[in-house]
Amino acid sequence: MAAPAAATESQASGGPQSPACLLVLGMAGSGKTTFVQRLTGYLHSQGCPPYVINLDPAVHEVPFPANI
């Protein structure tokens, strides 16, 4: 039982954190590209550039910087 409490204390005290991972899914035309474009723009403006991977094989170019 000590492990969960220790993990919580580490996060609360500003200890090392794991990077966040977002997987954006949705129907065609639901705003996935717009959401990711705005999110990457915000993160770049905060000085925290994200690592973006486009997994849609039908889309060859996206309106935001993608690493893969």
PDB file of N, CA and C in Angstrom:
ATOM      1  N   MET A   1       0.803  -1.196   0.000  1.00  0.00           N
ATOM      2  CA  MET A   1       0.000   0.000   0.000  1.00  0.00           C
ATOM      3  C   MET A   1       0.850   1.266   0.000  1.00  0.00           C
ATOM      4  N   ALA A   2       2.128   1.162   0.250  1.00  0.00           N
ATOM      5  CA  ALA A   2       2.981   2.343   0.301  1.00  0.00           C
ATOM      6  C   ALA A   2       3.268   2.895  -1.084  1.00  0.00           C
ATOM      7  N   ALA A   3       3.252   2.065  -2.105  1.00  0.00           N
ATOM      8  CA  ALA A   3       3.598   2.518  -3.455  1.00  0.00           C
ATOM      9  C   ALA A   3       2.630   3.563  -3.988  1.00  0.00           C
ATOM     10  N   PRO A   4       1.296   3.381  -3.926  1.00  0.00           N
ATOM     11  CA  PRO A   4       0.401   4.418  -4.447  1.00  0.00           C
ATOM     12  C   PRO A   4       0.545   5.732  -3.701  1.00  0.00           C
ATOM     13  N   ALA A   5       0.728   5.688  -2.387  1.00  0.00           N
ATOM     14  CA  ALA A   5       0.882   6.920  -1.620  1.00  0.00           C
ATOM     15  C   ALA A   5       2.175   7.623  -2.001  1.00  0.00           C
ATOM     16  N   ALA A   6       3.239   6.864  -2.208  1.00  0.00           N
ATOM     17  CA  ALA A   6       4.521   7.459  -2.592  1.00  0.00           C
ATOM     18  C   ALA A   6       4.427   8.112  -3.960  1.00  0.00           C
ATOM     19  N   ALA A   7       3.728   7.474  -4.889  1.00  0.00           N
ATOM     20  CA  ALA A   7       3.570   8.049  -6.225  1.00  0.00           C
ATOM     21  C   ALA A   7       2.772   9.342  -6.158  1.00  0.00           C
ATOM     22  N   THR A   8       1.730   9.370  -5.342  1.00  0.00           N
ATOM     23  CA  THR A   8       0.910  10.570  -5.205  1.00  0.00           C
ATOM     24  C   THR A   8       1.724  11.698  -4.591  1.00  0.00           C
ATOM     25  N   GLU A   9       2.519  11.399  -3.568  1.00  0.00           N
ATOM     26  CA  GLU A   9       3.340  12.421  -2.930  1.00  0.00           C
ATOM     27  C   GLU A   9       4.375  12.972  -3.891  1.00  0.00           C
ATOM     28  N   SER A  10       4.961  12.133  -4.733  1.00  0.00           N
ATOM     29  CA  SER A  10       5.959  12.573  -5.703  1.00  0.00           C
ATOM     30  C   SER A  10       5.352  13.548  -6.700  1.00  0.00           C
ATOM     31  N   GLN A  11       4.147  13.256  -7.170  1.00  0.00           N
ATOM     32  CA  GLN A  11       3.489  14.143  -8.125  1.00  0.00           C
ATOM     33  C   GLN A  11       3.071  15.439  -7.457  1.00  0.00           C
ATOM     34  N   ALA A  12       2.589  15.379  -6.227  1.00  0.00           N
ATOM     35  CA  ALA A  12       2.134  16.572  -5.526  1.00  0.00           C
ATOM     36  C   ALA A  12       3.295  17.490  -5.175  1.00  0.00           C
ATOM     37  N   SER A  13       4.475  16.944  -4.938  1.00  0.00           N
ATOM     38  CA  SER A  13       5.614  17.761  -4.543  1.00  0.00           C
ATOM     39  C   SER A  13       6.382  18.320  -5.737  1.00  0.00           C
ATOM     40  N   GLY A  14       5.875  18.141  -6.940  1.00  0.00           N
ATOM     41  CA  GLY A  14       6.552  18.673  -8.115  1.00  0.00           C
ATOM     42  C   GLY A  14       7.649  17.773  -8.622  1.00  0.00           C
ATOM     43  N   GLY A  15       7.581  16.502  -8.283  1.00  0.00           N
ATOM     44  CA  GLY A  15       8.570  15.534  -8.742  1.00  0.00           C
ATOM     45  C   GLY A  15       8.425  15.287 -10.232  1.00  0.00           C
ATOM     46  N   PRO A  16       9.212  14.363 -10.758  1.00  0.00           N
ATOM     47  CA  PRO A  16       9.157  14.074 -12.195  1.00  0.00           C
ATOM     48  C   PRO A  16       7.778  13.573 -12.622  1.00  0.00           C
ATOM     49  N   GLN A  17       7.338  14.042 -13.782  1.00  0.00           N
ATOM     50  CA  GLN A  17       6.033  13.649 -14.312  1.00  0.00           C
ATOM     51  C   GLN A  17       6.225  12.980 -15.658  1.00  0.00           C
ATOM     52  N   SER A  18       5.348  12.060 -15.970  1.00  0.00           N
ATOM     53  CA  SER A  18       5.350  11.440 -17.293  1.00  0.00           C
ATOM     54  C   SER A  18       4.734  12.411 -18.286  1.00  0.00           C
ATOM     55  N   PRO A  19       5.193  12.412 -19.531  1.00  0.00           N
ATOM     56  CA  PRO A  19       4.581  13.294 -20.527  1.00  0.00           C
ATOM     57  C   PRO A  19       3.150  12.860 -20.827  1.00  0.00           C
ATOM     58  N   ALA A  20       2.317  13.817 -21.139  1.00  0.00           N
ATOM     59  CA  ALA A  20       0.925  13.521 -21.496  1.00  0.00           C
ATOM     60  C   ALA A  20       0.879  12.964 -22.912  1.00  0.00           C
ATOM     61  N   CYS A  21      -0.041  12.067 -23.147  1.00  0.00           N
ATOM     62  CA  CYS A  21      -0.230  11.477 -24.468  1.00  0.00           C
ATOM     63  C   CYS A  21      -1.694  11.612 -24.843  1.00  0.00           C
ATOM     64  N   LEU A  22      -1.975  12.271 -25.967  1.00  0.00           N
ATOM     65  CA  LEU A  22      -3.347  12.432 -26.433  1.00  0.00           C
ATOM     66  C   LEU A  22      -3.534  11.670 -27.722  1.00  0.00           C
ATOM     67  N   LEU A  23      -4.627  10.963 -27.825  1.00  0.00           N
ATOM     68  CA  LEU A  23      -5.012  10.271 -29.049  1.00  0.00           C
ATOM     69  C   LEU A  23      -6.328  10.900 -29.473  1.00  0.00           C
ATOM     70  N   VAL A  24      -6.334  11.564 -30.628  1.00  0.00           N
ATOM     71  CA  VAL A  24      -7.516  12.294 -31.080  1.00  0.00           C
ATOM     72  C   VAL A  24      -8.253  11.453 -32.110  1.00  0.00           C
ATOM     73  N   LEU A  25      -9.471  11.076 -31.777  1.00  0.00           N
ATOM     74  CA  LEU A  25     -10.313  10.257 -32.649  1.00  0.00           C
ATOM     75  C   LEU A  25     -11.631  10.970 -32.896  1.00  0.00           C
ATOM     76  N   GLY A  26     -12.251  10.685 -34.033  1.00  0.00           N
ATOM     77  CA  GLY A  26     -13.567  11.253 -34.300  1.00  0.00           C
ATOM     78  C   GLY A  26     -14.006  10.986 -35.722  1.00  0.00           C
ATOM     79  N   MET A  27     -15.264  11.265 -35.961  1.00  0.00           N
ATOM     80  CA  MET A  27     -15.843  11.095 -37.286  1.00  0.00           C
ATOM     81  C   MET A  27     -15.258  12.138 -38.240  1.00  0.00           C
ATOM     82  N   ALA A  28     -15.391  11.884 -39.531  1.00  0.00           N
ATOM     83  CA  ALA A  28     -14.931  12.835 -40.546  1.00  0.00           C
ATOM     84  C   ALA A  28     -15.658  14.166 -40.356  1.00  0.00           C
ATOM     85  N   GLY A  29     -14.906  15.243 -40.389  1.00  0.00           N
ATOM     86  CA  GLY A  29     -15.495  16.567 -40.274  1.00  0.00           C
ATOM     87  C   GLY A  29     -15.821  16.994 -38.857  1.00  0.00           C
ATOM     88  N   SER A  30     -15.362  16.244 -37.864  1.00  0.00           N
ATOM     89  CA  SER A  30     -15.710  16.571 -36.476  1.00  0.00           C
ATOM     90  C   SER A  30     -14.783  17.609 -35.842  1.00  0.00           C
ATOM     91  N   GLY A  31     -13.691  17.978 -36.516  1.00  0.00           N
ATOM     92  CA  GLY A  31     -12.797  19.008 -35.996  1.00  0.00           C
ATOM     93  C   GLY A  31     -11.502  18.497 -35.401  1.00  0.00           C
ATOM     94  N   LYS A  32     -11.125  17.281 -35.727  1.00  0.00           N
ATOM     95  CA  LYS A  32      -9.878  16.714 -35.190  1.00  0.00           C
ATOM     96  C   LYS A  32      -8.668  17.536 -35.615  1.00  0.00           C
ATOM     97  N   THR A  33      -8.576  17.841 -36.892  1.00  0.00           N
ATOM     98  CA  THR A  33      -7.433  18.598 -37.408  1.00  0.00           C
ATOM     99  C   THR A  33      -7.404  19.997 -36.815  1.00  0.00           C
ATOM    100  N   THR A  34      -8.552  20.654 -36.724  1.00  0.00           N
ATOM    101  CA  THR A  34      -8.622  21.993 -36.143  1.00  0.00           C
ATOM    102  C   THR A  34      -8.192  21.965 -34.684  1.00  0.00           C
ATOM    103  N   PHE A  35      -8.656  20.973 -33.938  1.00  0.00           N
ATOM    104  CA  PHE A  35      -8.279  20.843 -32.527  1.00  0.00           C
ATOM    105  C   PHE A  35      -6.771  20.666 -32.376  1.00  0.00           C
ATOM    106  N   VAL A  36      -6.190  19.751 -33.153  1.00  0.00           N
ATOM    107  CA  VAL A  36      -4.752  19.492 -33.043  1.00  0.00           C
ATOM    108  C   VAL A  36      -3.962  20.709 -33.507  1.00  0.00           C
ATOM    109  N   GLN A  37      -4.434  21.398 -34.535  1.00  0.00           N
ATOM    110  CA  GLN A  37      -3.759  22.603 -35.015  1.00  0.00           C
ATOM    111  C   GLN A  37      -3.730  23.665 -33.913  1.00  0.00           C
ATOM    112  N   ARG A  38      -4.843  23.879 -33.245  1.00  0.00           N
ATOM    113  CA  ARG A  38      -4.895  24.882 -32.173  1.00  0.00           C
ATOM    114  C   ARG A  38      -4.089  24.444 -30.954  1.00  0.00           C
ATOM    115  N   LEU A  39      -4.143  23.167 -30.638  1.00  0.00           N
ATOM    116  CA  LEU A  39      -3.384  22.661 -29.494  1.00  0.00           C
ATOM    117  C   LEU A  39      -1.883  22.798 -29.728  1.00  0.00           C
ATOM    118  N   THR A  40      -1.408  22.428 -30.918  1.00  0.00           N
ATOM    119  CA  THR A  40       0.024  22.555 -31.204  1.00  0.00           C
ATOM    120  C   THR A  40       0.445  24.024 -31.229  1.00  0.00           C
ATOM    121  N   GLY A  41      -0.413  24.891 -31.758  1.00  0.00           N
ATOM    122  CA  GLY A  41      -0.111  26.320 -31.750  1.00  0.00           C
ATOM    123  C   GLY A  41       0.029  26.863 -30.337  1.00  0.00           C
ATOM    124  N   TYR A  42      -0.883  26.451 -29.460  1.00  0.00           N
ATOM    125  CA  TYR A  42      -0.828  26.890 -28.068  1.00  0.00           C
ATOM    126  C   TYR A  42       0.438  26.383 -27.382  1.00  0.00           C
ATOM    127  N   LEU A  43       0.737  25.104 -27.568  1.00  0.00           N
ATOM    128  CA  LEU A  43       1.919  24.537 -26.916  1.00  0.00           C
ATOM    129  C   LEU A  43       3.205  25.186 -27.417  1.00  0.00           C
ATOM    130  N   HIS A  44       3.276  25.486 -28.718  1.00  0.00           N
ATOM    131  CA  HIS A  44       4.453  26.183 -29.251  1.00  0.00           C
ATOM    132  C   HIS A  44       4.564  27.575 -28.636  1.00  0.00           C
ATOM    133  N   SER A  45       3.440  28.278 -28.475  1.00  0.00           N
ATOM    134  CA  SER A  45       3.476  29.623 -27.897  1.00  0.00           C
ATOM    135  C   SER A  45       3.899  29.599 -26.429  1.00  0.00           C
ATOM    136  N   GLN A  46       3.691  28.476 -25.749  1.00  0.00           N
ATOM    137  CA  GLN A  46       4.095  28.327 -24.350  1.00  0.00           C
ATOM    138  C   GLN A  46       5.535  27.829 -24.212  1.00  0.00           C
ATOM    139  N   GLY A  47       6.207  27.619 -25.347  1.00  0.00           N
ATOM    140  CA  GLY A  47       7.589  27.151 -25.316  1.00  0.00           C
ATOM    141  C   GLY A  47       7.718  25.668 -25.006  1.00  0.00           C
ATOM    142  N   CYS A  48       6.675  24.922 -25.285  1.00  0.00           N
ATOM    143  CA  CYS A  48       6.666  23.481 -25.016  1.00  0.00           C
ATOM    144  C   CYS A  48       6.204  22.756 -26.281  1.00  0.00           C
ATOM    145  N   PRO A  49       7.071  22.677 -27.304  1.00  0.00           N
ATOM    146  CA  PRO A  49       6.637  22.079 -28.570  1.00  0.00           C
ATOM    147  C   PRO A  49       6.270  20.605 -28.412  1.00  0.00           C
ATOM    148  N   PRO A  50       5.124  20.204 -28.951  1.00  0.00           N
ATOM    149  CA  PRO A  50       4.689  18.808 -28.828  1.00  0.00           C
ATOM    150  C   PRO A  50       5.336  17.917 -29.878  1.00  0.00           C
ATOM    151  N   TYR A  51       5.276  16.635 -29.662  1.00  0.00           N
ATOM    152  CA  TYR A  51       5.705  15.633 -30.637  1.00  0.00           C
ATOM    153  C   TYR A  51       4.428  15.099 -31.260  1.00  0.00           C
ATOM    154  N   VAL A  52       4.188  15.409 -32.538  1.00  0.00           N
ATOM    155  CA  VAL A  52       2.918  15.100 -33.196  1.00  0.00           C
ATOM    156  C   VAL A  52       3.121  14.021 -34.250  1.00  0.00           C
ATOM    157  N   ILE A  53       2.255  13.031 -34.230  1.00  0.00           N
ATOM    158  CA  ILE A  53       2.292  11.940 -35.203  1.00  0.00           C
ATOM    159  C   ILE A  53       0.945  11.877 -35.904  1.00  0.00           C
ATOM    160  N   ASN A  54       0.952  11.967 -37.229  1.00  0.00           N
ATOM    161  CA  ASN A  54      -0.271  11.837 -38.018  1.00  0.00           C
ATOM    162  C   ASN A  54      -0.414  10.374 -38.440  1.00  0.00           C
ATOM    163  N   LEU A  55      -1.453   9.712 -37.957  1.00  0.00           N
ATOM    164  CA  LEU A  55      -1.652   8.295 -38.262  1.00  0.00           C
ATOM    165  C   LEU A  55      -2.689   8.054 -39.352  1.00  0.00           C
ATOM    166  N   ASP A  56      -3.209   9.111 -39.961  1.00  0.00           N
ATOM    167  CA  ASP A  56      -4.221   8.957 -41.008  1.00  0.00           C
ATOM    168  C   ASP A  56      -3.516   8.714 -42.341  1.00  0.00           C
ATOM    169  N   PRO A  57      -3.616   7.516 -42.906  1.00  0.00           N
ATOM    170  CA  PRO A  57      -2.912   7.221 -44.158  1.00  0.00           C
ATOM    171  C   PRO A  57      -3.468   7.983 -45.357  1.00  0.00           C
ATOM    172  N   ALA A  58      -4.667   8.524 -45.245  1.00  0.00           N
ATOM    173  CA  ALA A  58      -5.273   9.254 -46.355  1.00  0.00           C
ATOM    174  C   ALA A  58      -4.819  10.711 -46.402  1.00  0.00           C
ATOM    175  N   VAL A  59      -4.209  11.200 -45.336  1.00  0.00           N
ATOM    176  CA  VAL A  59      -3.795  12.603 -45.260  1.00  0.00           C
ATOM    177  C   VAL A  59      -2.277  12.669 -45.361  1.00  0.00           C
ATOM    178  N   HIS A  60      -1.792  13.317 -46.421  1.00  0.00           N
ATOM    179  CA  HIS A  60      -0.347  13.418 -46.634  1.00  0.00           C
ATOM    180  C   HIS A  60       0.228  14.712 -46.080  1.00  0.00           C
ATOM    181  N   GLU A  61      -0.585  15.755 -45.983  1.00  0.00           N
ATOM    182  CA  GLU A  61      -0.138  17.037 -45.452  1.00  0.00           C
ATOM    183  C   GLU A  61      -1.156  17.540 -44.442  1.00  0.00           C
ATOM    184  N   VAL A  62      -0.662  18.049 -43.312  1.00  0.00           N
ATOM    185  CA  VAL A  62      -1.523  18.617 -42.283  1.00  0.00           C
ATOM    186  C   VAL A  62      -1.115  20.068 -42.055  1.00  0.00           C
ATOM    187  N   PRO A  63      -2.045  20.922 -41.591  1.00  0.00           N
ATOM    188  CA  PRO A  63      -1.738  22.347 -41.417  1.00  0.00           C
ATOM    189  C   PRO A  63      -1.013  22.669 -40.110  1.00  0.00           C
ATOM    190  N   PHE A  64      -0.290  21.710 -39.570  1.00  0.00           N
ATOM    191  CA  PHE A  64       0.490  21.921 -38.358  1.00  0.00           C
ATOM    192  C   PHE A  64       1.762  21.091 -38.474  1.00  0.00           C
ATOM    193  N   PRO A  65       2.810  21.464 -37.742  1.00  0.00           N
ATOM    194  CA  PRO A  65       4.054  20.692 -37.841  1.00  0.00           C
ATOM    195  C   PRO A  65       3.897  19.309 -37.217  1.00  0.00           C
ATOM    196  N   ALA A  66       4.164  18.279 -37.993  1.00  0.00           N
ATOM    197  CA  ALA A  66       4.082  16.901 -37.498  1.00  0.00           C
ATOM    198  C   ALA A  66       5.462  16.261 -37.577  1.00  0.00           C
ATOM    199  N   ASN A  67       5.827  15.525 -36.563  1.00  0.00           N
ATOM    200  CA  ASN A  67       7.128  14.856 -36.541  1.00  0.00           C
ATOM    201  C   ASN A  67       7.137  13.634 -37.444  1.00  0.00           C
ATOM    202  N   ILE A  68       6.020  12.924 -37.500  1.00  0.00           N
ATOM    203  CA  ILE A  68       5.911  11.736 -38.355  1.00  0.00           C
ATOM    204  C   ILE A  68       4.604  11.825 -39.114  1.00  0.00           C
TER     205      ILE A  68
END
